[in-house]
Protein backbone atom coordinates (compact mmCIF):
# COMPACT_ATOMS: atom_id res chain seq x y z
CA MET A 1 -3.34 -8.71 -18.59
CA ILE A 2 -1.63 -7.68 -21.81
CA ASP A 3 -0.24 -4.17 -22.10
CA PRO A 4 0.15 -2.35 -25.44
CA SER A 5 3.71 -3.63 -25.86
CA GLY A 6 2.37 -7.19 -25.87
CA THR A 7 3.83 -8.21 -22.53
CA THR A 8 1.89 -9.54 -19.62
CA SER A 9 1.37 -7.04 -16.83
CA SER A 10 -0.36 -7.21 -13.51
CA PRO A 11 -1.42 -4.56 -11.05
CA THR A 12 1.33 -3.39 -8.73
CA VAL A 13 1.13 -3.44 -4.95
CA PHE A 14 3.51 -0.91 -3.42
CA VAL A 15 4.59 -1.88 0.10
CA ILE A 16 6.17 0.62 2.47
CA ASP A 17 7.35 -0.63 5.86
CA ASP A 18 10.53 0.11 7.77
CA ASP A 19 10.68 -3.52 9.00
CA LEU A 20 12.53 -5.67 6.45
CA ALA A 21 10.84 -8.88 7.65
CA VAL A 22 7.40 -7.35 7.11
CA ARG A 23 8.36 -6.13 3.62
CA ILE A 24 9.60 -9.61 2.68
CA ALA A 25 6.49 -11.32 4.07
CA LEU A 26 4.13 -8.94 2.28
CA GLU A 27 6.08 -9.20 -0.95
CA ARG A 28 5.73 -12.99 -0.85
CA LEU A 29 2.03 -12.77 -0.01
CA PHE A 30 1.22 -10.37 -2.84
CA ARG A 31 3.43 -12.11 -5.43
CA GLY A 32 1.68 -15.36 -4.50
CA ALA A 33 -1.61 -13.66 -5.37
CA GLY A 34 -0.21 -12.84 -8.82
CA TRP A 35 0.58 -9.15 -8.41
CA THR A 36 3.75 -7.25 -9.15
CA VAL A 37 5.24 -5.92 -5.92
CA ARG A 38 7.57 -2.99 -5.23
CA THR A 39 8.84 -2.52 -1.67
CA PHE A 40 10.27 0.52 0.07
CA ALA A 41 11.71 1.15 3.54
CA SER A 42 10.38 4.72 3.83
CA ALA A 43 7.83 7.14 2.44
CA GLU A 44 10.66 9.33 1.17
CA GLU A 45 12.18 6.43 -0.78
CA PHE A 46 8.78 5.76 -2.36
CA LEU A 47 8.24 9.41 -3.30
CA GLN A 48 11.69 9.66 -4.93
CA GLN A 49 10.75 7.03 -7.51
CA ASP A 50 9.13 7.77 -10.83
CA LEU A 51 6.42 5.13 -10.55
CA GLU A 52 3.47 4.15 -12.70
CA VAL A 53 0.78 4.06 -10.04
CA ALA A 54 -2.31 4.13 -12.25
CA ARG A 55 -2.94 0.40 -11.74
CA GLY A 56 -1.57 0.19 -8.24
CA CYS A 57 -2.43 -0.02 -4.59
CA LEU A 58 -0.33 1.15 -1.66
CA VAL A 59 0.04 -0.82 1.57
CA ALA A 60 1.96 1.29 4.09
CA ASP A 61 2.80 1.18 7.76
CA VAL A 62 1.74 4.25 9.72
CA HIS A 63 5.01 4.49 11.68
CA LEU A 64 7.75 4.96 9.11
CA GLY A 65 10.19 7.50 10.49
CA ARG A 66 10.37 11.08 9.28
CA MET A 67 7.22 10.94 7.13
CA SER A 68 4.43 8.79 8.53
CA GLY A 69 2.08 6.66 6.51
CA LEU A 70 -0.70 9.10 7.36
CA GLU A 71 1.34 12.04 6.05
CA LEU A 72 2.18 10.08 2.90
CA HIS A 73 -1.48 9.24 2.38
CA ALA A 74 -2.44 12.90 2.75
CA THR A 75 0.28 13.87 0.25
CA LEU A 76 -0.88 11.27 -2.27
CA GLY A 77 -4.50 12.26 -1.79
CA ASN A 78 -3.66 15.73 -3.09
CA ARG A 79 -2.45 14.35 -6.43
CA ASP A 80 -4.55 13.60 -9.50
CA GLY A 81 -5.37 9.92 -9.86
CA ALA A 82 -4.36 9.10 -6.31
CA MET A 83 -4.03 5.37 -5.77
CA PRO A 84 -5.94 3.44 -3.12
CA VAL A 85 -4.15 3.25 0.22
CA ILE A 86 -4.31 0.57 2.91
CA LEU A 87 -2.58 1.44 6.18
CA THR A 88 -1.17 -0.87 8.83
CA SER A 89 0.07 -0.31 12.37
CA GLY A 90 1.53 -2.26 15.23
CA VAL A 91 -0.07 0.19 17.64
CA ASP A 92 -3.69 -0.14 18.75
CA ASP A 93 -4.80 3.47 18.34
CA VAL A 94 -8.46 4.04 17.46
CA ASN A 95 -7.88 7.76 16.79
CA MET A 96 -5.16 6.95 14.25
CA GLU A 97 -7.44 4.43 12.55
CA GLN A 98 -10.28 6.96 12.37
CA GLN A 99 -7.92 9.59 10.95
CA ALA A 100 -6.71 7.14 8.29
CA LEU A 101 -10.25 6.31 7.25
CA ARG A 102 -11.22 10.01 7.21
CA LEU A 103 -8.30 10.61 4.82
CA GLY A 104 -9.83 7.99 2.54
CA ALA A 105 -7.83 4.87 3.35
CA ILE A 106 -9.48 1.76 1.92
CA ALA A 107 -8.74 -0.14 5.15
CA PHE A 108 -6.68 -0.04 8.32
CA PHE A 109 -5.11 -3.20 9.73
CA ARG A 110 -3.53 -3.67 13.14
CA LYS A 111 -0.51 -5.97 13.18
CA PRO A 112 -0.57 -8.87 13.30
CA PHE A 113 -3.38 -8.99 10.75
CA GLU A 114 -5.08 -11.83 8.92
CA ALA A 115 -3.48 -12.27 5.50
CA GLY A 116 -6.76 -13.20 3.81
CA ALA A 117 -8.45 -10.00 4.94
CA LEU A 118 -5.54 -7.92 3.66
CA LEU A 119 -5.58 -9.76 0.32
CA ASP A 120 -9.33 -9.14 0.02
CA SER A 121 -8.85 -5.40 0.63
CA VAL A 122 -6.07 -5.18 -1.95
CA ARG A 123 -8.11 -7.21 -4.45
CA ARG A 124 -11.14 -4.90 -4.01
CA SER A 125 -9.05 -1.74 -4.33
CA LEU A 126 -7.34 -2.98 -7.50
CA ALA A 127 -10.64 -4.06 -9.03
CA ALA A 128 -12.02 -0.57 -8.44
CA ARG A 129 -9.13 0.96 -10.44
């Protein structure tokens, strides 16, 4: 896509996971799909940035440390123009998944997840923006 300055831009996928290996793997996956990717180790690090999220999607782990992915999603949901959120977890917890979906998460993936399914969810959420 071309932005007003004449440069090519693509939607941004924001990845938040406290596991460096997961962040690297997801960054490679999403860049390979043609998206811009920004990664963060915590919800607090993400929230401290002045980010253009209008054309973005957030993929966040539920278990992040002080602020969970669920708490982050609830915080973002209270803002105007909240971006679509996809949550992931290494824990098989049906209640957590149901809570995430009630908060409006686009999808919830248990690790390890199928890369194609995650890409499809991100693609759908970006297309809806």
